[in-house]
Amino acid sequence: MTTLIIIEVILALLLIILVLLQHSDNEGLGFGVSGGLGGLMSSRGSANFLSKATAIIATLFMIMSVVLTIASSSKNEIKILESLSEDKIEDSNIAEEPSIPDSN
């Protein structure tokens, strides 16, 4: 379980970095590399590479989220809905009708 959480954190950090590296319309933090590296790292090539990498990392992040949810719910013996219904039953047994004070 700890390994899955570490992988999820790494994917989250990679996703944040990839989103910040992409060009924006107002040139915020877009550090798109434009230079003599050919088609891969031209402004158009880096945009394609970054967008594909972002899509892949985002997909992996969502898959890992579902895997973590399933893994954590399979360890719990009591399901969430069952625990809520038990709490309501216990609260209703404890609650008594309010008593009317004697008028003096």
PDB file of N, CA and C in Angstrom:
ATOM      1  N   MET A   1       0.829  -1.189   0.000  1.00  0.00           N
ATOM      2  CA  MET A   1       0.000   0.000   0.000  1.00  0.00           C
ATOM      3  C   MET A   1       0.876   1.258   0.000  1.00  0.00           C
ATOM      4  N   THR A   2       1.941   1.243   0.772  1.00  0.00           N
ATOM      5  CA  THR A   2       2.835   2.403   0.822  1.00  0.00           C
ATOM      6  C   THR A   2       3.488   2.654  -0.528  1.00  0.00           C
ATOM      7  N   THR A   3       3.820   1.592  -1.224  1.00  0.00           N
ATOM      8  CA  THR A   3       4.430   1.728  -2.546  1.00  0.00           C
ATOM      9  C   THR A   3       3.457   2.397  -3.513  1.00  0.00           C
ATOM     10  N   LEU A   4       2.195   2.017  -3.430  1.00  0.00           N
ATOM     11  CA  LEU A   4       1.193   2.625  -4.307  1.00  0.00           C
ATOM     12  C   LEU A   4       1.033   4.113  -4.017  1.00  0.00           C
ATOM     13  N   ILE A   5       1.092   4.478  -2.757  1.00  0.00           N
ATOM     14  CA  ILE A   5       0.963   5.893  -2.391  1.00  0.00           C
ATOM     15  C   ILE A   5       2.166   6.684  -2.882  1.00  0.00           C
ATOM     16  N   ILE A   6       3.349   6.113  -2.775  1.00  0.00           N
ATOM     17  CA  ILE A   6       4.553   6.791  -3.267  1.00  0.00           C
ATOM     18  C   ILE A   6       4.478   6.991  -4.779  1.00  0.00           C
ATOM     19  N   ILE A   7       4.023   5.966  -5.499  1.00  0.00           N
ATOM     20  CA  ILE A   7       3.869   6.096  -6.954  1.00  0.00           C
ATOM     21  C   ILE A   7       2.849   7.179  -7.280  1.00  0.00           C
ATOM     22  N   GLU A   8       1.765   7.254  -6.523  1.00  0.00           N
ATOM     23  CA  GLU A   8       0.732   8.270  -6.745  1.00  0.00           C
ATOM     24  C   GLU A   8       1.294   9.678  -6.530  1.00  0.00           C
ATOM     25  N   VAL A   9       2.102   9.856  -5.502  1.00  0.00           N
ATOM     26  CA  VAL A   9       2.699  11.171  -5.230  1.00  0.00           C
ATOM     27  C   VAL A   9       3.669  11.563  -6.350  1.00  0.00           C
ATOM     28  N   ILE A  10       4.466  10.606  -6.812  1.00  0.00           N
ATOM     29  CA  ILE A  10       5.405  10.893  -7.911  1.00  0.00           C
ATOM     30  C   ILE A  10       4.642  11.269  -9.171  1.00  0.00           C
ATOM     31  N   LEU A  11       3.564  10.544  -9.477  1.00  0.00           N
ATOM     32  CA  LEU A  11       2.758  10.886 -10.649  1.00  0.00           C
ATOM     33  C   LEU A  11       2.128  12.267 -10.510  1.00  0.00           C
ATOM     34  N   ALA A  12       1.688  12.612  -9.308  1.00  0.00           N
ATOM     35  CA  ALA A  12       1.092  13.931  -9.087  1.00  0.00           C
ATOM     36  C   ALA A  12       2.122  15.034  -9.316  1.00  0.00           C
ATOM     37  N   LEU A  13       3.330  14.830  -8.810  1.00  0.00           N
ATOM     38  CA  LEU A  13       4.379  15.833  -9.011  1.00  0.00           C
ATOM     39  C   LEU A  13       4.757  15.960 -10.484  1.00  0.00           C
ATOM     40  N   LEU A  14       4.873  14.841 -11.175  1.00  0.00           N
ATOM     41  CA  LEU A  14       5.165  14.878 -12.613  1.00  0.00           C
ATOM     42  C   LEU A  14       4.068  15.607 -13.382  1.00  0.00           C
ATOM     43  N   LEU A  15       2.830  15.361 -13.008  1.00  0.00           N
ATOM     44  CA  LEU A  15       1.711  16.015 -13.677  1.00  0.00           C
ATOM     45  C   LEU A  15       1.744  17.528 -13.457  1.00  0.00           C
ATOM     46  N   ILE A  16       2.057  17.940 -12.255  1.00  0.00           N
ATOM     47  CA  ILE A  16       2.161  19.375 -11.963  1.00  0.00           C
ATOM     48  C   ILE A  16       3.276  20.011 -12.787  1.00  0.00           C
ATOM     49  N   ILE A  17       4.419  19.351 -12.830  1.00  0.00           N
ATOM     50  CA  ILE A  17       5.560  19.880 -13.579  1.00  0.00           C
ATOM     51  C   ILE A  17       5.232  19.973 -15.063  1.00  0.00           C
ATOM     52  N   LEU A  18       4.624  18.940 -15.616  1.00  0.00           N
ATOM     53  CA  LEU A  18       4.308  18.947 -17.045  1.00  0.00           C
ATOM     54  C   LEU A  18       3.287  20.023 -17.399  1.00  0.00           C
ATOM     55  N   VAL A  19       2.328  20.237 -16.537  1.00  0.00           N
ATOM     56  CA  VAL A  19       1.335  21.289 -16.802  1.00  0.00           C
ATOM     57  C   VAL A  19       1.984  22.662 -16.745  1.00  0.00           C
ATOM     58  N   LEU A  20       2.889  22.867 -15.788  1.00  0.00           N
ATOM     59  CA  LEU A  20       3.542  24.174 -15.678  1.00  0.00           C
ATOM     60  C   LEU A  20       4.511  24.441 -16.822  1.00  0.00           C
ATOM     61  N   LEU A  21       5.061  23.406 -17.424  1.00  0.00           N
ATOM     62  CA  LEU A  21       6.014  23.598 -18.517  1.00  0.00           C
ATOM     63  C   LEU A  21       5.353  23.934 -19.850  1.00  0.00           C
ATOM     64  N   GLN A  22       4.075  23.663 -19.966  1.00  0.00           N
ATOM     65  CA  GLN A  22       3.404  23.894 -21.241  1.00  0.00           C
ATOM     66  C   GLN A  22       3.198  25.382 -21.484  1.00  0.00           C
ATOM     67  N   HIS A  23       3.193  25.738 -22.764  1.00  0.00           N
ATOM     68  CA  HIS A  23       2.938  27.127 -23.137  1.00  0.00           C
ATOM     69  C   HIS A  23       1.495  27.481 -22.835  1.00  0.00           C
ATOM     70  N   SER A  24       1.314  28.687 -22.397  1.00  0.00           N
ATOM     71  CA  SER A  24      -0.030  29.185 -22.195  1.00  0.00           C
ATOM     72  C   SER A  24      -0.243  30.356 -23.147  1.00  0.00           C
ATOM     73  N   ASP A  25      -1.471  30.821 -23.250  1.00  0.00           N
ATOM     74  CA  ASP A  25      -1.767  31.926 -24.150  1.00  0.00           C
ATOM     75  C   ASP A  25      -1.085  33.217 -23.713  1.00  0.00           C
ATOM     76  N   ASN A  26      -0.963  33.412 -22.423  1.00  0.00           N
ATOM     77  CA  ASN A  26      -0.364  34.652 -21.936  1.00  0.00           C
ATOM     78  C   ASN A  26       1.079  34.461 -21.499  1.00  0.00           C
ATOM     79  N   GLU A  27       1.699  33.366 -21.893  1.00  0.00           N
ATOM     80  CA  GLU A  27       3.116  33.108 -21.616  1.00  0.00           C
ATOM     81  C   GLU A  27       3.425  33.166 -20.125  1.00  0.00           C
ATOM     82  N   GLY A  28       2.628  32.483 -19.307  1.00  0.00           N
ATOM     83  CA  GLY A  28       2.849  32.469 -17.865  1.00  0.00           C
ATOM     84  C   GLY A  28       4.143  31.779 -17.500  1.00  0.00           C
ATOM     85  N   LEU A  29       4.102  30.522 -17.190  1.00  0.00           N
ATOM     86  CA  LEU A  29       5.301  29.771 -16.849  1.00  0.00           C
ATOM     87  C   LEU A  29       5.731  28.867 -17.997  1.00  0.00           C
ATOM     88  N   GLY A  30       5.249  29.119 -19.184  1.00  0.00           N
ATOM     89  CA  GLY A  30       5.570  28.257 -20.314  1.00  0.00           C
ATOM     90  C   GLY A  30       7.036  28.354 -20.689  1.00  0.00           C
ATOM     91  N   PHE A  31       7.816  27.361 -20.339  1.00  0.00           N
ATOM     92  CA  PHE A  31       9.241  27.350 -20.640  1.00  0.00           C
ATOM     93  C   PHE A  31       9.529  26.522 -21.878  1.00  0.00           C
ATOM     94  N   GLY A  32       8.643  26.548 -22.854  1.00  0.00           N
ATOM     95  CA  GLY A  32       8.812  25.719 -24.036  1.00  0.00           C
ATOM     96  C   GLY A  32      10.172  25.949 -24.671  1.00  0.00           C
ATOM     97  N   VAL A  33      10.873  24.893 -24.945  1.00  0.00           N
ATOM     98  CA  VAL A  33      12.221  24.987 -25.486  1.00  0.00           C
ATOM     99  C   VAL A  33      12.121  25.195 -26.980  1.00  0.00           C
ATOM    100  N   SER A  34      12.712  26.255 -27.455  1.00  0.00           N
ATOM    101  CA  SER A  34      12.793  26.445 -28.895  1.00  0.00           C
ATOM    102  C   SER A  34      14.260  26.609 -29.225  1.00  0.00           C
ATOM    103  N   GLY A  35      14.733  25.787 -30.098  1.00  0.00           N
ATOM    104  CA  GLY A  35      16.152  25.845 -30.401  1.00  0.00           C
ATOM    105  C   GLY A  35      16.496  24.925 -31.544  1.00  0.00           C
ATOM    106  N   GLY A  36      17.740  24.553 -31.624  1.00  0.00           N
ATOM    107  CA  GLY A  36      18.209  23.782 -32.746  1.00  0.00           C
ATOM    108  C   GLY A  36      18.179  22.287 -32.540  1.00  0.00           C
ATOM    109  N   LEU A  37      17.243  21.781 -31.783  1.00  0.00           N
ATOM    110  CA  LEU A  37      17.189  20.347 -31.558  1.00  0.00           C
ATOM    111  C   LEU A  37      16.280  19.642 -32.557  1.00  0.00           C
ATOM    112  N   GLY A  38      15.914  20.285 -33.602  1.00  0.00           N
ATOM    113  CA  GLY A  38      15.083  19.656 -34.619  1.00  0.00           C
ATOM    114  C   GLY A  38      13.618  19.701 -34.262  1.00  0.00           C
ATOM    115  N   GLY A  39      12.859  18.746 -34.807  1.00  0.00           N
ATOM    116  CA  GLY A  39      11.414  18.744 -34.633  1.00  0.00           C
ATOM    117  C   GLY A  39      10.959  18.387 -33.238  1.00  0.00           C
ATOM    118  N   LEU A  40      11.759  17.620 -32.496  1.00  0.00           N
ATOM    119  CA  LEU A  40      11.313  17.186 -31.176  1.00  0.00           C
ATOM    120  C   LEU A  40      11.219  18.340 -30.195  1.00  0.00           C
ATOM    121  N   MET A  41      12.221  19.185 -30.181  1.00  0.00           N
ATOM    122  CA  MET A  41      12.225  20.265 -29.212  1.00  0.00           C
ATOM    123  C   MET A  41      12.004  21.641 -29.841  1.00  0.00           C
ATOM    124  N   SER A  42      11.393  21.693 -30.989  1.00  0.00           N
ATOM    125  CA  SER A  42      10.970  22.990 -31.498  1.00  0.00           C
ATOM    126  C   SER A  42       9.738  23.401 -30.710  1.00  0.00           C
ATOM    127  N   SER A  43       9.266  24.609 -30.904  1.00  0.00           N
ATOM    128  CA  SER A  43       8.120  25.056 -30.111  1.00  0.00           C
ATOM    129  C   SER A  43       6.903  24.182 -30.401  1.00  0.00           C
ATOM    130  N   ARG A  44       6.748  23.758 -31.643  1.00  0.00           N
ATOM    131  CA  ARG A  44       5.618  22.892 -31.991  1.00  0.00           C
ATOM    132  C   ARG A  44       5.871  21.460 -31.512  1.00  0.00           C
ATOM    133  N   GLY A  45       7.096  20.975 -31.679  1.00  0.00           N
ATOM    134  CA  GLY A  45       7.424  19.618 -31.255  1.00  0.00           C
ATOM    135  C   GLY A  45       7.364  19.443 -29.753  1.00  0.00           C
ATOM    136  N   SER A  46       7.827  20.452 -29.016  1.00  0.00           N
ATOM    137  CA  SER A  46       7.775  20.338 -27.557  1.00  0.00           C
ATOM    138  C   SER A  46       6.340  20.412 -27.065  1.00  0.00           C
ATOM    139  N   ALA A  47       5.502  21.187 -27.733  1.00  0.00           N
ATOM    140  CA  ALA A  47       4.095  21.253 -27.339  1.00  0.00           C
ATOM    141  C   ALA A  47       3.431  19.901 -27.544  1.00  0.00           C
ATOM    142  N   ASN A  48       3.718  19.257 -28.656  1.00  0.00           N
ATOM    143  CA  ASN A  48       3.147  17.932 -28.895  1.00  0.00           C
ATOM    144  C   ASN A  48       3.675  16.926 -27.876  1.00  0.00           C
ATOM    145  N   PHE A  49       4.982  16.969 -27.622  1.00  0.00           N
ATOM    146  CA  PHE A  49       5.578  16.047 -26.661  1.00  0.00           C
ATOM    147  C   PHE A  49       5.015  16.271 -25.270  1.00  0.00           C
ATOM    148  N   LEU A  50       4.929  17.537 -24.844  1.00  0.00           N
ATOM    149  CA  LEU A  50       4.429  17.834 -23.499  1.00  0.00           C
ATOM    150  C   LEU A  50       2.955  17.474 -23.355  1.00  0.00           C
ATOM    151  N   SER A  51       2.169  17.725 -24.383  1.00  0.00           N
ATOM    152  CA  SER A  51       0.750  17.398 -24.278  1.00  0.00           C
ATOM    153  C   SER A  51       0.528  15.887 -24.249  1.00  0.00           C
ATOM    154  N   LYS A  52       1.307  15.140 -25.032  1.00  0.00           N
ATOM    155  CA  LYS A  52       1.183  13.681 -24.992  1.00  0.00           C
ATOM    156  C   LYS A  52       1.665  13.132 -23.656  1.00  0.00           C
ATOM    157  N   ALA A  53       2.773  13.659 -23.155  1.00  0.00           N
ATOM    158  CA  ALA A  53       3.287  13.207 -21.859  1.00  0.00           C
ATOM    159  C   ALA A  53       2.305  13.543 -20.741  1.00  0.00           C
ATOM    160  N   THR A  54       1.686  14.719 -20.813  1.00  0.00           N
ATOM    161  CA  THR A  54       0.702  15.109 -19.807  1.00  0.00           C
ATOM    162  C   THR A  54      -0.507  14.183 -19.844  1.00  0.00           C
ATOM    163  N   ALA A  55      -0.957  13.839 -21.038  1.00  0.00           N
ATOM    164  CA  ALA A  55      -2.106  12.940 -21.159  1.00  0.00           C
ATOM    165  C   ALA A  55      -1.775  11.557 -20.601  1.00  0.00           C
ATOM    166  N   ILE A  56      -0.585  11.073 -20.855  1.00  0.00           N
ATOM    167  CA  ILE A  56      -0.185   9.752 -20.358  1.00  0.00           C
ATOM    168  C   ILE A  56      -0.077   9.757 -18.841  1.00  0.00           C
ATOM    169  N   ILE A  57       0.583  10.779 -18.290  1.00  0.00           N
ATOM    170  CA  ILE A  57       0.743  10.867 -16.831  1.00  0.00           C
ATOM    171  C   ILE A  57      -0.617  11.061 -16.154  1.00  0.00           C
ATOM    172  N   ALA A  58      -1.504  11.853 -16.758  1.00  0.00           N
ATOM    173  CA  ALA A  58      -2.834  12.059 -16.173  1.00  0.00           C
ATOM    174  C   ALA A  58      -3.632  10.761 -16.168  1.00  0.00           C
ATOM    175  N   THR A  59      -3.521   9.989 -17.235  1.00  0.00           N
ATOM    176  CA  THR A  59      -4.209   8.698 -17.286  1.00  0.00           C
ATOM    177  C   THR A  59      -3.669   7.748 -16.226  1.00  0.00           C
ATOM    178  N   LEU A  60      -2.352   7.689 -16.099  1.00  0.00           N
ATOM    179  CA  LEU A  60      -1.743   6.844 -15.064  1.00  0.00           C
ATOM    180  C   LEU A  60      -2.162   7.292 -13.667  1.00  0.00           C
ATOM    181  N   PHE A  61      -2.245   8.610 -13.460  1.00  0.00           N
ATOM    182  CA  PHE A  61      -2.652   9.154 -12.167  1.00  0.00           C
ATOM    183  C   PHE A  61      -4.080   8.722 -11.821  1.00  0.00           C
ATOM    184  N   MET A  62      -4.975   8.792 -12.805  1.00  0.00           N
ATOM    185  CA  MET A  62      -6.362   8.390 -12.556  1.00  0.00           C
ATOM    186  C   MET A  62      -6.466   6.889 -12.293  1.00  0.00           C
ATOM    187  N   ILE A  63      -5.712   6.092 -13.042  1.00  0.00           N
ATOM    188  CA  ILE A  63      -5.725   4.642 -12.827  1.00  0.00           C
ATOM    189  C   ILE A  63      -5.206   4.311 -11.432  1.00  0.00           C
ATOM    190  N   MET A  64      -4.125   4.977 -11.023  1.00  0.00           N
ATOM    191  CA  MET A  64      -3.573   4.733  -9.691  1.00  0.00           C
ATOM    192  C   MET A  64      -4.552   5.165  -8.598  1.00  0.00           C
ATOM    193  N   SER A  65      -5.311   6.228  -8.838  1.00  0.00           N
ATOM    194  CA  SER A  65      -6.311   6.658  -7.861  1.00  0.00           C
ATOM    195  C   SER A  65      -7.377   5.591  -7.664  1.00  0.00           C
ATOM    196  N   VAL A  66      -7.826   5.004  -8.772  1.00  0.00           N
ATOM    197  CA  VAL A  66      -8.830   3.947  -8.682  1.00  0.00           C
ATOM    198  C   VAL A  66      -8.245   2.721  -7.981  1.00  0.00           C
ATOM    199  N   VAL A  67      -6.999   2.372  -8.308  1.00  0.00           N
ATOM    200  CA  VAL A  67      -6.349   1.224  -7.676  1.00  0.00           C
ATOM    201  C   VAL A  67      -6.208   1.457  -6.168  1.00  0.00           C
ATOM    202  N   LEU A  68      -5.812   2.653  -5.776  1.00  0.00           N
ATOM    203  CA  LEU A  68      -5.691   2.956  -4.343  1.00  0.00           C
ATOM    204  C   LEU A  68      -7.042   2.892  -3.643  1.00  0.00           C
ATOM    205  N   THR A  69      -8.087   3.363  -4.299  1.00  0.00           N
ATOM    206  CA  THR A  69      -9.419   3.312  -3.706  1.00  0.00           C
ATOM    207  C   THR A  69      -9.861   1.873  -3.499  1.00  0.00           C
ATOM    208  N   ILE A  70      -9.644   1.040  -4.502  1.00  0.00           N
ATOM    209  CA  ILE A  70     -10.026  -0.367  -4.387  1.00  0.00           C
ATOM    210  C   ILE A  70      -9.191  -1.066  -3.320  1.00  0.00           C
ATOM    211  N   ALA A  71      -7.900  -0.781  -3.287  1.00  0.00           N
ATOM    212  CA  ALA A  71      -7.023  -1.421  -2.307  1.00  0.00           C
ATOM    213  C   ALA A  71      -7.386  -1.016  -0.882  1.00  0.00           C
ATOM    214  N   SER A  72      -7.721   0.239  -0.680  1.00  0.00           N
ATOM    215  CA  SER A  72      -8.062   0.675   0.683  1.00  0.00           C
ATOM    216  C   SER A  72      -9.435   0.178   1.104  1.00  0.00           C
ATOM    217  N   SER A  73     -10.364   0.060   0.177  1.00  0.00           N
ATOM    218  CA  SER A  73     -11.698  -0.412   0.557  1.00  0.00           C
ATOM    219  C   SER A  73     -11.728  -1.918   0.777  1.00  0.00           C
ATOM    220  N   SER A  74     -10.824  -2.635   0.149  1.00  0.00           N
ATOM    221  CA  SER A  74     -10.817  -4.087   0.352  1.00  0.00           C
ATOM    222  C   SER A  74     -10.247  -4.461   1.717  1.00  0.00           C
ATOM    223  N   LYS A  75      -9.454  -3.589   2.328  1.00  0.00           N
ATOM    224  CA  LYS A  75      -8.904  -3.866   3.655  1.00  0.00           C
ATOM    225  C   LYS A  75      -9.925  -3.625   4.755  1.00  0.00           C
ATOM    226  N   ASN A  76     -10.863  -2.713   4.532  1.00  0.00           N
ATOM    227  CA  ASN A  76     -11.862  -2.408   5.550  1.00  0.00           C
ATOM    228  C   ASN A  76     -12.901  -3.515   5.607  1.00  0.00           C
ATOM    229  N   GLU A  77     -13.181  -3.988   6.804  1.00  0.00           N
ATOM    230  CA  GLU A  77     -14.198  -5.020   6.953  1.00  0.00           C
ATOM    231  C   GLU A  77     -15.596  -4.425   6.933  1.00  0.00           C
ATOM    232  N   ILE A  78     -15.724  -3.233   7.474  1.00  0.00           N
ATOM    233  CA  ILE A  78     -17.021  -2.571   7.521  1.00  0.00           C
ATOM    234  C   ILE A  78     -17.083  -1.568   6.373  1.00  0.00           C
ATOM    235  N   LYS A  79     -18.126  -1.652   5.603  1.00  0.00           N
ATOM    236  CA  LYS A  79     -18.306  -0.720   4.495  1.00  0.00           C
ATOM    237  C   LYS A  79     -18.842   0.607   5.025  1.00  0.00           C
ATOM    238  N   ILE A  80     -18.676   1.658   4.253  1.00  0.00           N
ATOM    239  CA  ILE A  80     -19.061   2.995   4.699  1.00  0.00           C
ATOM    240  C   ILE A  80     -20.561   3.076   4.969  1.00  0.00           C
ATOM    241  N   LEU A  81     -21.373   2.569   4.055  1.00  0.00           N
ATOM    242  CA  LEU A  81     -22.818   2.659   4.237  1.00  0.00           C
ATOM    243  C   LEU A  81     -23.283   1.847   5.434  1.00  0.00           C
ATOM    244  N   GLU A  82     -22.651   0.711   5.674  1.00  0.00           N
ATOM    245  CA  GLU A  82     -23.016  -0.097   6.833  1.00  0.00           C
ATOM    246  C   GLU A  82     -22.676   0.625   8.126  1.00  0.00           C
ATOM    247  N   SER A  83     -21.551   1.302   8.168  1.00  0.00           N
ATOM    248  CA  SER A  83     -21.167   2.008   9.387  1.00  0.00           C
ATOM    249  C   SER A  83     -22.083   3.194   9.643  1.00  0.00           C
ATOM    250  N   LEU A  84     -22.552   3.853   8.585  1.00  0.00           N
ATOM    251  CA  LEU A  84     -23.476   4.972   8.773  1.00  0.00           C
ATOM    252  C   LEU A  84     -24.802   4.499   9.335  1.00  0.00           C
ATOM    253  N   SER A  85     -25.317   3.394   8.835  1.00  0.00           N
ATOM    254  CA  SER A  85     -26.599   2.903   9.340  1.00  0.00           C
ATOM    255  C   SER A  85     -26.478   2.441  10.793  1.00  0.00           C
ATOM    256  N   GLU A  86     -25.344   1.868  11.186  1.00  0.00           N
ATOM    257  CA  GLU A  86     -25.146   1.456  12.570  1.00  0.00           C
ATOM    258  C   GLU A  86     -25.071   2.664  13.495  1.00  0.00           C
ATOM    259  N   ASP A  87     -24.433   3.740  13.055  1.00  0.00           N
ATOM    260  CA  ASP A  87     -24.345   4.944  13.873  1.00  0.00           C
ATOM    261  C   ASP A  87     -25.724   5.545  14.098  1.00  0.00           C
ATOM    262  N   LYS A  88     -26.558   5.546  13.072  1.00  0.00           N
ATOM    263  CA  LYS A  88     -27.902   6.109  13.227  1.00  0.00           C
ATOM    264  C   LYS A  88     -28.744   5.278  14.179  1.00  0.00           C
ATOM    265  N   ILE A  89     -28.588   3.957  14.123  1.00  0.00           N
ATOM    266  CA  ILE A  89     -29.345   3.084  15.030  1.00  0.00           C
ATOM    267  C   ILE A  89     -28.913   3.339  16.469  1.00  0.00           C
ATOM    268  N   GLU A  90     -27.606   3.458  16.704  1.00  0.00           N
ATOM    269  CA  GLU A  90     -27.115   3.716  18.053  1.00  0.00           C
ATOM    270  C   GLU A  90     -27.576   5.078  18.548  1.00  0.00           C
ATOM    271  N   ASP A  91     -27.572   6.091  17.708  1.00  0.00           N
ATOM    272  CA  ASP A  91     -28.004   7.425  18.107  1.00  0.00           C
ATOM    273  C   ASP A  91     -29.502   7.442  18.418  1.00  0.00           C
ATOM    274  N   SER A  92     -30.293   6.702  17.660  1.00  0.00           N
ATOM    275  CA  SER A  92     -31.732   6.707  17.912  1.00  0.00           C
ATOM    276  C   SER A  92     -32.066   5.983  19.216  1.00  0.00           C
ATOM    277  N   ASN A  93     -31.289   4.994  19.604  1.00  0.00           N
ATOM    278  CA  ASN A  93     -31.523   4.300  20.869  1.00  0.00           C
ATOM    279  C   ASN A  93     -31.150   5.178  22.055  1.00  0.00           C
ATOM    280  N   ILE A  94     -30.151   6.011  21.904  1.00  0.00           N
ATOM    281  CA  ILE A  94     -29.699   6.868  22.986  1.00  0.00           C
ATOM    282  C   ILE A  94     -30.662   8.035  23.198  1.00  0.00           C
ATOM    283  N   ALA A  95     -31.162   8.567  22.120  1.00  0.00           N
ATOM    284  CA  ALA A  95     -32.022   9.746  22.215  1.00  0.00           C
ATOM    285  C   ALA A  95     -33.350   9.371  22.864  1.00  0.00           C
ATOM    286  N   GLU A  96     -33.754  10.161  23.837  1.00  0.00           N
ATOM    287  CA  GLU A  96     -35.027   9.960  24.507  1.00  0.00           C
ATOM    288  C   GLU A  96     -35.893  11.181  24.252  1.00  0.00           C
ATOM    289  N   GLU A  97     -37.164  10.994  24.470  1.00  0.00           N
ATOM    290  CA  GLU A  97     -38.044  12.132  24.308  1.00  0.00           C
ATOM    291  C   GLU A  97     -37.752  13.133  25.413  1.00  0.00           C
ATOM    292  N   PRO A  98     -37.783  14.397  25.067  1.00  0.00           N
ATOM    293  CA  PRO A  98     -37.534  15.398  26.115  1.00  0.00           C
ATOM    294  C   PRO A  98     -38.677  15.391  27.148  1.00  0.00           C
ATOM    295  N   SER A  99     -38.281  15.546  28.376  1.00  0.00           N
ATOM    296  CA  SER A  99     -39.281  15.568  29.425  1.00  0.00           C
ATOM    297  C   SER A  99     -39.818  16.980  29.587  1.00  0.00           C
ATOM    298  N   ILE A 100     -41.084  17.044  29.955  1.00  0.00           N
ATOM    299  CA  ILE A 100     -41.713  18.345  30.166  1.00  0.00           C
ATOM    300  C   ILE A 100     -41.508  18.724  31.637  1.00  0.00           C
ATOM    301  N   PRO A 101     -40.931  19.907  31.857  1.00  0.00           N
ATOM    302  CA  PRO A 101     -40.689  20.282  33.258  1.00  0.00           C
ATOM    303  C   PRO A 101     -41.999  20.516  33.993  1.00  0.00           C
ATOM    304  N   ASP A 102     -41.969  20.203  35.296  1.00  0.00           N
ATOM    305  CA  ASP A 102     -43.159  20.422  36.116  1.00  0.00           C
ATOM    306  C   ASP A 102     -43.363  21.908  36.298  1.00  0.00           C
ATOM    307  N   SER A 103     -44.626  22.308  36.195  1.00  0.00           N
ATOM    308  CA  SER A 103     -44.903  23.723  36.391  1.00  0.00           C
ATOM    309  C   SER A 103     -45.174  23.940  37.878  1.00  0.00           C
ATOM    310  N   ASN A 104     -44.489  24.902  38.438  1.00  0.00           N
ATOM    311  CA  ASN A 104     -44.602  25.175  39.875  1.00  0.00           C
ATOM    312  C   ASN A 104     -45.547  26.285  40.154  1.00  0.00           C
TER     313      ASN A 104
END
